[in-house]
Amino acid sequence: MAHLRSRRRLGLAVPVVLSLTASLGFLPGAASAAPLGAPAATTADGPNLSYVVNTRTDHRTIESVTKAIKAAGGSVVIAYEQIGVIVVHSANPDFGKQIRTVRGVQSAGATRTSPLTPAGTTDEGSAQVLSAAEAAKVSRAATADEEPLEADQWDLRAIGADKAAKINPGSKKVTVAVIDVGVDDTHPDIAPNFSPSQSANCVGGKPDTTYGSWRPVDADHYHGTHVAGEIAAARNGVGVAGVAPGVKVSGITVAQPDSTQLFYPESVVCAFVFAADHGVEITNNSYYVDPWLYNCLDDPDQRAIVDAVNRAQTYAQKKGTLNVAAAGNSNDDLDSDALTDASSPDDSTPVTRTVDPHKCFDVPTQLPGVVTVSSTGVKGAKSYFSSYGDGVIDVSAPGGDRYQIPDTPSKNGRILSTMPNNQYAYLQGTSMATPHVAGVAALLKSKYPWAGPAQLQALLKAQADNPGCPTDPYDGNGDGVVDATCSGGKRVNGFYGWGIVNALRAVK
């Protein structure tokens, strides 16, 4: 999951924002005009599934809908009245169909295609763990003012983060929440900047703030710890450094604790609301919401997922939280007319389908106001795996690329960062590019504490450096085949959006 599945993130063009907002609306019409009352027959002979039921936000409506949910064979897990999202479990195979006829219900649908009991054996993918011998080699190359492993962090130098730290490492009043598989806050590079009061476990849709609940269940759930280190690993003479080593970082766990590590909608809804209600300034989202890579609005279940998560992330924005998400690792042109999705649903049996990325949305990246991030390698070129799209990508950042080789001790083109159990490893992906942007956003928020999400996004774009579309045909993996076509101009284009973020420029 870490290097591929957990970030096939998508981007968002302005026309998509407008059409998405208008089309959701949020789903008035037939369902809201239906008479209120208990749905007809209820049965409990289907799989026990999780649902989101999206309603008007007044207490009276939510109370009435809650009664109808129970009458239809559903049990309420939690009701987020502030956004009108109710998380429900039901074994009634007709629950979605029945509840959508209830007055006040604006959309409703199953958040998964498999039963609530854990299943699956999805492999997380491989990380190149730094051995003791390799660490010693890197440490020998470090200068007096560098962290021991910083010689291998070409990514910091690429965006001027090493120089920026000497001017402004970021404010302790700014927190970046890592919405992910969990964060190991006991790691010596993360512990100095970790915020337990802004951390939780949201798996299942209901926040658990028990101390340590945000930690990964095992070493295979390493993705969030790697991301957290990229953002805010302390400059404390240990290991690596983060882009914003002076800001706080928190962990909000949303991935299933089993080997599937899936990010279900109800968990992500919980995370956005929790972050907003606990004063988080920026969220890092290096994942897509399972089980659908793209959620199509003509499907009632997928429509409800888009509706629910959009309500939650919009609520966070309104409370001052900037949401940053990765563009994805499929090398897809997200501004194309059609894409092939052969991975959905990923919690049961995938079915190959053709989708229109302007009508079927990767969540949360394609939601209004979310910053969409593509990935670059050490040469400043688009990473071979990174998805792209003119009018879709907002900004770009180093995410690694094994074909772009740096002049570092390890000669490793991936991103070096923290891992559970006091380890370090190299990963690549738009998952790794996103925390670089979140880190720069945190530096901007530190310098401009008055800036809200819209202002921060504008500042991110304003300080970015755009290399422009390549003059030669793009062949990311060097096999002689053109892999992607960049559209747009020097100022804004499909590979880099407004450009590659610049930490040094952000603090000056």
Protein backbone atom coordinates (compact mmCIF):
# COMPACT_ATOMS: atom_id res chain seq x y z
CA MET A 1 0.00 0.00 0.00
CA ALA A 2 2.60 2.53 1.00
CA HIS A 3 4.27 3.08 -2.32
CA LEU A 4 1.37 2.50 -4.68
CA ARG A 5 -2.11 1.73 -3.36
CA SER A 6 -2.23 4.38 -0.71
CA ARG A 7 -1.75 7.09 -3.17
CA ARG A 8 -3.24 6.90 -6.54
CA ARG A 9 -4.52 10.39 -5.64
CA LEU A 10 -6.42 12.48 -8.09
CA GLY A 11 -6.58 16.20 -8.82
CA LEU A 12 -9.27 18.81 -9.17
CA ALA A 13 -9.89 21.30 -11.92
CA VAL A 14 -11.96 24.40 -11.21
CA PRO A 15 -14.77 23.27 -13.54
CA VAL A 16 -14.90 20.00 -11.61
CA VAL A 17 -15.24 21.92 -8.34
CA LEU A 18 -18.20 23.84 -9.68
CA SER A 19 -19.94 20.88 -11.27
CA LEU A 20 -19.31 18.69 -8.23
CA THR A 21 -20.73 21.27 -5.85
CA ALA A 22 -23.72 21.90 -8.06
CA SER A 23 -24.45 18.25 -8.73
CA LEU A 24 -24.38 17.30 -5.08
CA GLY A 25 -26.33 20.25 -3.98
CA PHE A 26 -26.76 18.24 -1.62
CA LEU A 27 -29.07 15.93 -3.49
CA PRO A 28 -32.48 17.48 -2.90
CA GLY A 29 -35.46 16.25 -4.87
CA ALA A 30 -37.17 12.88 -4.89
CA ALA A 31 -35.73 11.51 -1.67
CA SER A 32 -36.38 14.65 0.38
CA ALA A 33 -39.93 14.92 -0.97
CA ALA A 34 -40.95 11.41 0.06
CA PRO A 35 -43.28 11.01 3.05
CA LEU A 36 -41.70 10.37 6.41
CA GLY A 37 -42.33 7.00 7.95
CA ALA A 38 -40.88 3.62 8.71
CA PRO A 39 -39.66 1.89 5.55
CA ALA A 40 -41.73 -1.07 4.56
CA ALA A 41 -40.17 -4.46 5.10
CA THR A 42 -36.90 -5.03 6.89
CA THR A 43 -34.77 -8.14 6.65
CA ALA A 44 -31.45 -9.10 8.15
CA ASP A 45 -30.25 -11.90 5.91
CA GLY A 46 -27.59 -9.96 4.01
CA PRO A 47 -23.97 -9.12 4.86
CA ASN A 48 -23.49 -6.69 7.72
CA LEU A 49 -22.36 -3.54 5.93
CA SER A 50 -21.49 0.01 6.88
CA TYR A 51 -23.45 2.91 5.42
CA VAL A 52 -23.41 6.69 5.39
CA VAL A 53 -26.79 8.41 5.55
CA ASN A 54 -26.59 12.09 4.65
CA THR A 55 -29.34 14.42 5.82
CA ARG A 56 -30.22 18.02 6.46
CA THR A 57 -28.34 19.28 9.51
CA ASP A 58 -31.22 20.34 11.75
CA HIS A 59 -31.71 18.25 14.88
CA ARG A 60 -35.35 17.48 14.14
CA THR A 61 -34.52 15.93 10.76
CA ILE A 62 -31.64 13.88 12.15
CA GLU A 63 -33.84 12.63 14.99
CA SER A 64 -36.58 11.56 12.56
CA VAL A 65 -34.11 9.92 10.19
CA THR A 66 -32.52 8.07 13.10
CA LYS A 67 -35.90 6.52 13.92
CA ALA A 68 -36.32 5.49 10.28
CA ILE A 69 -32.83 3.97 10.30
CA LYS A 70 -33.75 1.73 13.21
CA ALA A 71 -37.04 0.78 11.56
CA ALA A 72 -35.11 -0.26 8.44
CA GLY A 73 -32.88 -2.58 10.42
CA GLY A 74 -29.96 -0.24 10.94
CA SER A 75 -27.99 0.64 14.05
CA VAL A 76 -26.42 4.09 14.42
CA VAL A 77 -22.67 4.09 15.09
CA ILE A 78 -22.37 7.87 15.33
CA ALA A 79 -24.25 10.90 14.03
CA TYR A 80 -22.26 13.95 12.97
CA GLU A 81 -25.08 16.46 13.29
CA GLN A 82 -22.83 19.40 12.35
CA ILE A 83 -22.53 18.02 8.81
CA GLY A 84 -25.61 15.80 8.63
CA VAL A 85 -23.74 12.50 8.24
CA ILE A 86 -24.90 9.40 10.11
CA VAL A 87 -22.75 6.26 10.14
CA VAL A 88 -24.89 3.12 10.22
CA HIS A 89 -24.44 -0.66 10.30
CA SER A 90 -27.11 -2.89 8.81
CA ALA A 91 -27.53 -6.46 7.59
CA ASN A 92 -30.69 -5.54 5.69
CA PRO A 93 -29.75 -5.97 1.98
CA ASP A 94 -32.38 -3.35 1.06
CA PHE A 95 -31.33 -0.83 3.70
CA GLY A 96 -29.88 1.69 1.26
CA LYS A 97 -32.85 1.52 -1.07
CA GLN A 98 -35.31 1.89 1.80
CA ILE A 99 -33.59 4.70 3.66
CA ARG A 100 -33.19 6.79 0.51
CA THR A 101 -37.01 7.15 0.38
CA VAL A 102 -37.16 8.83 3.80
CA ARG A 103 -37.85 12.56 4.01
CA GLY A 104 -34.72 14.50 4.94
CA VAL A 105 -32.34 11.88 3.54
CA GLN A 106 -30.36 13.54 0.77
CA SER A 107 -28.12 10.59 -0.11
CA ALA A 108 -27.33 7.23 1.42
CA GLY A 109 -25.25 4.23 0.49
CA ALA A 110 -22.96 1.42 1.52
CA THR A 111 -19.37 2.38 2.17
CA ARG A 112 -18.02 -1.05 1.27
CA THR A 113 -18.91 -4.14 -0.74
CA SER A 114 -17.61 -6.68 1.77
CA PRO A 115 -18.92 -7.50 5.26
CA LEU A 116 -17.70 -5.63 8.31
CA THR A 117 -15.60 -8.58 9.44
CA PRO A 118 -11.96 -8.05 8.35
CA ALA A 119 -10.86 -9.93 5.25
CA GLY A 120 -8.16 -9.84 2.63
CA THR A 121 -4.43 -10.21 2.43
CA THR A 122 -3.38 -7.12 0.49
CA ASP A 123 0.39 -6.73 0.58
CA GLU A 124 1.49 -3.28 1.75
CA GLY A 125 4.39 -3.21 -0.65
CA SER A 126 8.09 -2.95 -0.08
CA ALA A 127 10.10 -0.27 1.66
CA GLN A 128 13.86 -0.07 1.41
CA VAL A 129 14.81 -0.07 5.09
CA LEU A 130 18.10 1.65 5.84
CA SER A 131 20.59 -0.83 7.28
CA ALA A 132 23.07 0.06 10.01
CA ALA A 133 25.94 -0.12 7.52
CA GLU A 134 24.16 2.14 5.06
CA ALA A 135 23.26 4.58 7.82
CA ALA A 136 26.89 4.78 8.87
CA LYS A 137 27.91 5.52 5.30
CA VAL A 138 25.37 8.32 5.00
CA SER A 139 26.30 9.74 8.40
CA ARG A 140 29.94 10.04 7.38
CA ALA A 141 28.88 12.38 4.56
CA ALA A 142 26.88 14.70 6.82
CA THR A 143 28.27 18.16 7.47
CA ALA A 144 28.48 19.76 10.91
CA ASP A 145 25.11 21.53 10.64
CA GLU A 146 23.20 18.59 9.16
CA GLU A 147 21.24 15.77 10.74
CA PRO A 148 23.12 12.43 10.63
CA LEU A 149 21.17 11.08 7.63
CA GLU A 150 20.51 14.40 5.91
CA ALA A 151 23.15 13.82 3.24
CA ASP A 152 20.69 11.41 1.63
CA GLN A 153 17.78 13.87 1.82
CA TRP A 154 18.14 15.38 -1.63
CA ASP A 155 14.46 16.31 -1.43
CA LEU A 156 15.07 18.91 1.30
CA ARG A 157 17.75 20.61 -0.75
CA ALA A 158 15.58 20.48 -3.88
CA ILE A 159 13.01 22.79 -2.28
CA GLY A 160 15.39 24.77 -0.07
CA ALA A 161 14.02 23.27 3.14
CA ASP A 162 17.50 22.91 4.64
CA LYS A 163 18.11 26.65 4.26
CA ALA A 164 14.57 27.55 5.27
CA ALA A 165 15.02 25.80 8.63
CA LYS A 166 17.76 28.25 9.52
CA ILE A 167 15.40 31.18 8.95
CA ASN A 168 12.11 29.79 10.27
CA PRO A 169 11.66 26.10 11.09
CA GLY A 170 7.96 26.63 11.70
CA SER A 171 5.75 27.50 14.65
CA LYS A 172 4.61 25.20 17.46
CA LYS A 173 1.23 26.88 17.06
CA VAL A 174 0.78 25.08 13.71
CA THR A 175 -0.22 21.40 13.55
CA VAL A 176 -0.29 19.10 10.54
CA ALA A 177 -2.49 16.04 11.04
CA VAL A 178 -1.39 12.90 9.22
CA ILE A 179 -4.59 11.06 8.25
CA ASP A 180 -3.16 7.63 7.53
CA VAL A 181 -2.41 4.12 8.85
CA GLY A 182 -1.10 5.43 12.18
CA VAL A 183 1.93 7.37 13.42
CA ASP A 184 4.61 6.00 15.72
CA ASP A 185 5.01 9.00 18.02
CA THR A 186 7.70 7.17 20.04
CA HIS A 187 10.18 7.56 17.18
CA PRO A 188 12.96 9.92 18.40
CA ASP A 189 12.60 12.11 15.30
CA ILE A 190 8.82 12.48 15.73
CA ALA A 191 8.37 12.53 19.51
CA PRO A 192 9.64 16.12 20.05
CA ASN A 193 6.94 17.55 17.77
CA PHE A 194 4.05 15.17 18.33
CA SER A 195 0.66 16.42 19.56
CA PRO A 196 -1.31 13.71 21.39
CA SER A 197 -4.25 16.03 22.10
CA GLN A 198 -4.86 16.37 18.36
CA SER A 199 -4.52 12.65 17.61
CA ALA A 200 -7.05 9.82 17.53
CA ASN A 201 -8.07 6.52 15.98
CA CYS A 202 -11.06 7.03 13.66
CA VAL A 203 -11.34 3.51 12.26
CA GLY A 204 -15.03 2.65 11.98
CA GLY A 205 -16.17 6.26 12.03
CA LYS A 206 -16.06 7.06 15.74
CA PRO A 207 -12.99 8.75 17.30
CA ASP A 208 -11.03 6.92 19.96
CA THR A 209 -8.76 9.31 21.87
CA THR A 210 -7.31 6.72 24.22
CA TYR A 211 -3.63 7.52 24.65
CA GLY A 212 -1.63 5.74 21.96
CA SER A 213 -4.70 4.76 19.91
CA TRP A 214 -3.18 6.54 16.89
CA ARG A 215 -0.13 4.29 16.78
CA PRO A 216 0.28 1.70 14.00
CA VAL A 217 -0.79 -1.80 15.00
CA ASP A 218 2.40 -3.34 13.60
CA ALA A 219 5.53 -2.53 11.61
CA ASP A 220 3.73 -3.21 8.31
CA HIS A 221 1.56 -0.14 8.94
CA TYR A 222 4.49 2.18 8.32
CA HIS A 223 3.13 4.63 5.79
CA GLY A 224 1.91 7.29 8.24
CA THR A 225 5.13 7.30 10.22
CA HIS A 226 7.14 7.89 7.04
CA VAL A 227 4.82 10.76 6.07
CA ALA A 228 4.99 12.33 9.55
CA GLY A 229 8.79 12.37 9.45
CA GLU A 230 8.82 14.04 6.06
CA ILE A 231 6.69 16.83 7.48
CA ALA A 232 8.15 17.49 10.91
CA ALA A 233 11.08 15.26 11.89
CA ALA A 234 12.93 17.36 14.46
CA ARG A 235 16.39 18.81 13.95
CA ASN A 236 17.67 17.20 17.13
CA GLY A 237 20.88 15.49 16.06
CA VAL A 238 19.04 12.24 15.33
CA GLY A 239 18.33 10.66 11.95
CA VAL A 240 16.58 12.87 9.41
CA ALA A 241 14.96 16.30 9.24
CA GLY A 242 11.47 17.30 8.16
CA VAL A 243 10.44 20.09 5.82
CA ALA A 244 9.01 22.01 8.78
CA PRO A 245 10.99 20.73 11.79
CA GLY A 246 9.50 23.28 14.18
CA VAL A 247 5.79 22.61 13.70
CA LYS A 248 3.65 20.04 15.45
CA VAL A 249 2.40 16.85 13.86
CA SER A 250 -0.48 14.61 14.91
CA GLY A 251 -1.78 11.24 13.81
CA ILE A 252 -5.36 10.32 12.94
CA THR A 253 -5.62 6.63 12.08
CA VAL A 254 -8.19 5.69 9.45
CA ALA A 255 -6.79 2.50 7.89
CA GLN A 256 -8.15 -0.92 8.77
CA PRO A 257 -5.87 -2.64 11.30
CA ASP A 258 -5.73 -5.82 9.21
CA SER A 259 -3.52 -6.56 6.24
CA THR A 260 -5.87 -4.80 3.79
CA GLN A 261 -5.15 -1.38 5.35
CA LEU A 262 -8.21 0.03 3.57
CA PHE A 263 -9.37 3.60 4.15
CA TYR A 264 -13.17 3.43 4.37
CA PRO A 265 -15.33 6.59 4.00
CA GLU A 266 -16.76 6.62 7.52
CA SER A 267 -13.25 6.62 8.99
CA VAL A 268 -12.18 9.53 6.79
CA VAL A 269 -15.32 11.51 7.65
CA CYS A 270 -14.42 11.07 11.31
CA ALA A 271 -10.85 12.21 10.67
CA PHE A 272 -11.77 15.47 8.94
CA VAL A 273 -14.32 16.38 11.60
CA PHE A 274 -11.92 15.48 14.42
CA ALA A 275 -9.11 17.52 12.87
CA ALA A 276 -11.38 20.52 12.42
CA ASP A 277 -12.76 20.33 15.96
CA HIS A 278 -9.28 20.02 17.47
CA GLY A 279 -7.64 23.05 15.89
CA VAL A 280 -5.58 21.32 13.19
CA GLU A 281 -4.36 23.82 10.58
CA ILE A 282 -3.39 21.36 7.82
CA THR A 283 -4.25 17.74 7.03
CA ASN A 284 -2.07 15.43 4.94
CA ASN A 285 -4.03 12.91 2.88
CA SER A 286 -1.76 10.39 1.13
CA TYR A 287 -4.50 7.89 0.24
CA TYR A 288 -7.76 7.49 -1.61
CA VAL A 289 -11.01 6.52 0.05
CA ASP A 290 -11.74 2.83 -0.47
CA PRO A 291 -13.28 0.76 -1.95
CA TRP A 292 -13.65 2.84 -5.14
CA LEU A 293 -10.72 4.50 -6.89
CA TYR A 294 -13.31 6.69 -8.59
CA ASN A 295 -16.75 7.36 -7.14
CA CYS A 296 -19.34 7.91 -9.87
CA LEU A 297 -22.34 10.08 -9.10
CA ASP A 298 -24.74 7.89 -11.10
CA ASP A 299 -24.27 5.11 -8.54
CA PRO A 300 -26.23 5.78 -5.31
CA ASP A 301 -23.63 4.19 -3.02
CA GLN A 302 -20.68 6.01 -4.58
CA ARG A 303 -22.68 9.25 -4.70
CA ALA A 304 -23.29 8.98 -0.96
CA ILE A 305 -19.57 8.46 -0.32
CA VAL A 306 -18.68 11.62 -2.25
CA ASP A 307 -21.40 13.53 -0.41
CA ALA A 308 -20.35 12.38 3.07
CA VAL A 309 -16.61 12.93 2.70
CA ASN A 310 -17.16 16.26 0.96
CA ARG A 311 -19.32 17.48 3.83
CA ALA A 312 -16.60 16.52 6.30
CA GLN A 313 -13.68 18.10 4.42
CA THR A 314 -15.73 21.24 3.67
CA TYR A 315 -16.54 21.49 7.38
CA ALA A 316 -12.80 21.33 8.09
CA GLN A 317 -12.09 24.06 5.55
CA LYS A 318 -14.74 26.30 7.07
CA LYS A 319 -13.08 25.88 10.45
CA GLY A 320 -9.72 26.92 9.02
CA THR A 321 -8.10 23.63 7.96
CA LEU A 322 -6.23 23.29 4.66
CA ASN A 323 -6.52 19.78 3.21
CA VAL A 324 -3.63 18.54 1.04
CA ALA A 325 -3.87 15.30 -0.97
CA ALA A 326 -1.78 13.27 -3.42
CA ALA A 327 -2.51 12.96 -7.14
CA GLY A 328 -1.94 9.23 -7.54
CA ASN A 329 0.63 6.78 -8.80
CA SER A 330 -1.03 5.49 -11.98
CA ASN A 331 0.57 7.95 -14.43
CA ASP A 332 -2.98 8.82 -15.47
CA ASP A 333 -3.95 11.97 -17.33
CA LEU A 334 -6.68 13.21 -15.01
CA ASP A 335 -7.86 15.73 -17.57
CA SER A 336 -8.59 13.03 -20.14
CA ASP A 337 -12.01 12.03 -21.41
CA ALA A 338 -11.87 8.52 -19.99
CA LEU A 339 -9.78 6.36 -17.68
CA THR A 340 -9.74 2.63 -17.04
CA ASP A 341 -10.31 1.56 -13.44
CA ALA A 342 -9.44 -2.10 -12.98
CA SER A 343 -8.94 -1.96 -9.20
CA SER A 344 -12.43 -1.24 -7.87
CA PRO A 345 -13.99 -2.32 -5.63
CA ASP A 346 -10.78 -3.21 -3.84
CA ASP A 347 -12.47 -4.79 -0.83
CA SER A 348 -14.00 -7.64 -2.85
CA THR A 349 -13.74 -8.56 -6.55
CA PRO A 350 -12.58 -5.71 -8.82
CA VAL A 351 -14.39 -5.16 -12.11
CA THR A 352 -12.74 -3.32 -15.00
CA ARG A 353 -14.73 -0.23 -15.92
CA THR A 354 -14.25 2.94 -17.96
CA VAL A 355 -14.87 6.17 -16.07
CA ASP A 356 -15.00 9.85 -16.91
CA PRO A 357 -12.71 11.61 -14.39
CA HIS A 358 -14.86 14.72 -14.73
CA LYS A 359 -17.93 12.82 -13.50
CA CYS A 360 -16.38 10.12 -11.33
CA PHE A 361 -14.27 11.44 -8.47
CA ASP A 362 -11.27 10.21 -6.55
CA VAL A 363 -11.99 11.14 -2.95
CA PRO A 364 -10.82 13.26 -1.20
CA THR A 365 -8.45 14.71 -3.79
CA GLN A 366 -11.06 15.75 -6.33
CA LEU A 367 -13.23 17.49 -3.77
CA PRO A 368 -13.58 21.29 -3.80
CA GLY A 369 -10.74 23.23 -2.18
CA VAL A 370 -8.39 20.28 -1.66
CA VAL A 371 -4.77 20.90 -2.77
CA THR A 372 -3.79 18.24 -5.32
CA VAL A 373 -0.11 17.26 -5.48
CA SER A 374 1.94 15.58 -8.20
CA SER A 375 5.41 14.13 -7.68
CA THR A 376 8.90 14.98 -8.97
CA GLY A 377 12.31 13.31 -8.79
CA VAL A 378 15.74 14.72 -8.07
CA LYS A 379 16.04 16.20 -11.57
CA GLY A 380 12.87 18.20 -11.08
CA ALA A 381 11.03 16.16 -13.70
CA LYS A 382 7.67 14.52 -13.15
CA SER A 383 8.06 11.15 -11.45
CA TYR A 384 7.42 8.29 -13.87
CA PHE A 385 4.48 7.05 -11.79
CA SER A 386 2.83 10.37 -10.95
CA SER A 387 -0.62 11.12 -12.29
CA TYR A 388 -1.06 14.53 -13.84
CA GLY A 389 -3.55 16.72 -15.68
CA ASP A 390 -3.88 20.28 -16.92
CA GLY A 391 -6.18 22.19 -14.59
CA VAL A 392 -6.11 19.27 -12.15
CA ILE A 393 -2.73 19.45 -10.39
CA ASP A 394 -2.33 22.41 -8.02
CA VAL A 395 1.35 22.09 -7.11
CA SER A 396 4.17 19.57 -7.24
CA ALA A 397 6.88 18.39 -4.82
CA PRO A 398 9.62 15.78 -4.46
CA GLY A 399 8.11 12.32 -4.10
CA GLY A 400 11.03 10.31 -5.42
CA ASP A 401 11.75 8.45 -8.64
CA ARG A 402 14.03 5.43 -8.89
CA TYR A 403 14.97 6.41 -12.45
CA GLN A 404 16.22 9.85 -11.41
CA ILE A 405 19.45 9.17 -9.53
CA PRO A 406 20.80 11.73 -7.04
CA ASP A 407 24.42 12.47 -6.22
CA THR A 408 24.07 11.28 -2.63
CA PRO A 409 25.92 8.62 -0.61
CA SER A 410 23.23 6.02 -1.29
CA LYS A 411 22.46 7.14 -4.87
CA ASN A 412 18.83 6.40 -3.96
CA GLY A 413 16.21 8.43 -5.82
CA ARG A 414 13.47 7.67 -3.31
CA ILE A 415 12.59 9.67 -0.18
CA LEU A 416 14.29 8.81 3.11
CA SER A 417 12.20 9.22 6.26
CA THR A 418 11.13 7.70 9.56
CA MET A 419 9.67 4.23 10.13
CA PRO A 420 8.13 2.49 13.16
CA ASN A 421 10.47 0.99 15.74
CA ASN A 422 13.07 3.75 15.38
CA GLN A 423 13.95 2.81 11.82
CA TYR A 424 14.35 4.72 8.55
CA ALA A 425 13.51 3.74 4.99
CA TYR A 426 13.21 4.94 1.40
CA LEU A 427 9.81 5.19 -0.28
CA GLN A 428 8.54 6.83 -3.45
CA GLY A 429 5.09 7.99 -4.49
CA THR A 430 2.77 10.94 -4.59
CA SER A 431 2.25 9.87 -0.96
CA MET A 432 5.74 11.25 -0.36
CA ALA A 433 5.23 14.42 -2.40
CA THR A 434 2.14 15.44 -0.44
CA PRO A 435 3.86 15.82 2.97
CA HIS A 436 6.43 18.10 1.34
CA VAL A 437 3.57 20.38 0.31
CA ALA A 438 1.92 20.05 3.72
CA GLY A 439 5.25 21.00 5.31
CA VAL A 440 5.64 24.09 3.12
CA ALA A 441 2.02 25.02 3.86
CA ALA A 442 2.85 24.75 7.58
CA LEU A 443 5.79 27.13 7.09
CA LEU A 444 3.49 29.57 5.29
CA LYS A 445 0.92 29.29 8.08
CA SER A 446 3.72 29.96 10.60
CA LYS A 447 4.69 33.14 8.74
CA TYR A 448 1.11 34.22 7.98
CA PRO A 449 -0.98 33.01 10.95
CA TRP A 450 -3.98 34.97 9.69
CA ALA A 451 -4.13 33.00 6.43
CA GLY A 452 -7.09 30.69 5.97
CA PRO A 453 -7.23 27.65 3.67
CA ALA A 454 -7.92 29.66 0.51
CA GLN A 455 -5.14 32.14 1.27
CA LEU A 456 -2.69 29.33 2.05
CA GLN A 457 -3.48 27.62 -1.22
CA ALA A 458 -2.91 30.88 -3.08
CA LEU A 459 0.41 31.38 -1.26
CA LEU A 460 1.50 27.83 -2.13
CA LYS A 461 0.90 28.52 -5.80
CA ALA A 462 2.53 31.95 -5.68
CA GLN A 463 5.83 30.71 -4.22
CA ALA A 464 6.14 27.64 -6.44
CA ASP A 465 8.79 27.30 -9.17
CA ASN A 466 7.42 25.99 -12.47
CA PRO A 467 9.93 24.31 -14.82
CA GLY A 468 7.33 24.27 -17.60
CA CYS A 469 6.43 21.34 -19.80
CA PRO A 470 9.45 19.34 -21.07
CA THR A 471 10.58 20.20 -24.57
CA ASP A 472 11.31 16.58 -25.41
CA PRO A 473 8.73 13.76 -25.40
CA TYR A 474 8.30 12.49 -21.83
CA ASP A 475 9.77 9.02 -21.27
CA GLY A 476 9.83 8.65 -17.50
CA ASN A 477 11.25 5.13 -17.31
CA GLY A 478 13.63 5.42 -20.27
CA ASP A 479 12.20 2.54 -22.30
CA GLY A 480 11.87 4.59 -25.47
CA VAL A 481 8.08 4.89 -25.22
CA VAL A 482 6.37 8.24 -24.62
CA ASP A 483 4.65 7.83 -21.24
CA ALA A 484 2.75 11.09 -20.86
CA THR A 485 1.98 14.38 -22.60
CA CYS A 486 2.23 17.66 -20.70
CA SER A 487 -0.35 20.31 -21.59
CA GLY A 488 -0.34 23.94 -20.54
CA GLY A 489 2.18 26.74 -20.35
CA LYS A 490 5.14 27.88 -18.29
CA ARG A 491 2.97 29.37 -15.57
CA VAL A 492 0.50 26.49 -15.11
CA ASN A 493 0.60 23.03 -16.70
CA GLY A 494 -0.51 19.46 -16.30
CA PHE A 495 2.72 18.04 -14.89
CA TYR A 496 3.43 20.58 -12.13
CA GLY A 497 0.30 22.67 -11.74
CA TRP A 498 1.53 26.06 -10.57
CA GLY A 499 4.97 24.63 -9.91
CA ILE A 500 7.23 22.83 -7.44
CA VAL A 501 6.85 24.22 -3.92
CA ASN A 502 9.75 26.16 -2.44
CA ALA A 503 10.28 26.13 1.34
CA LEU A 504 12.97 28.81 1.31
CA ARG A 505 10.80 31.22 -0.61
CA ALA A 506 7.93 30.45 1.76
CA VAL A 507 9.83 31.70 4.83
CA LYS A 508 11.55 34.71 3.29
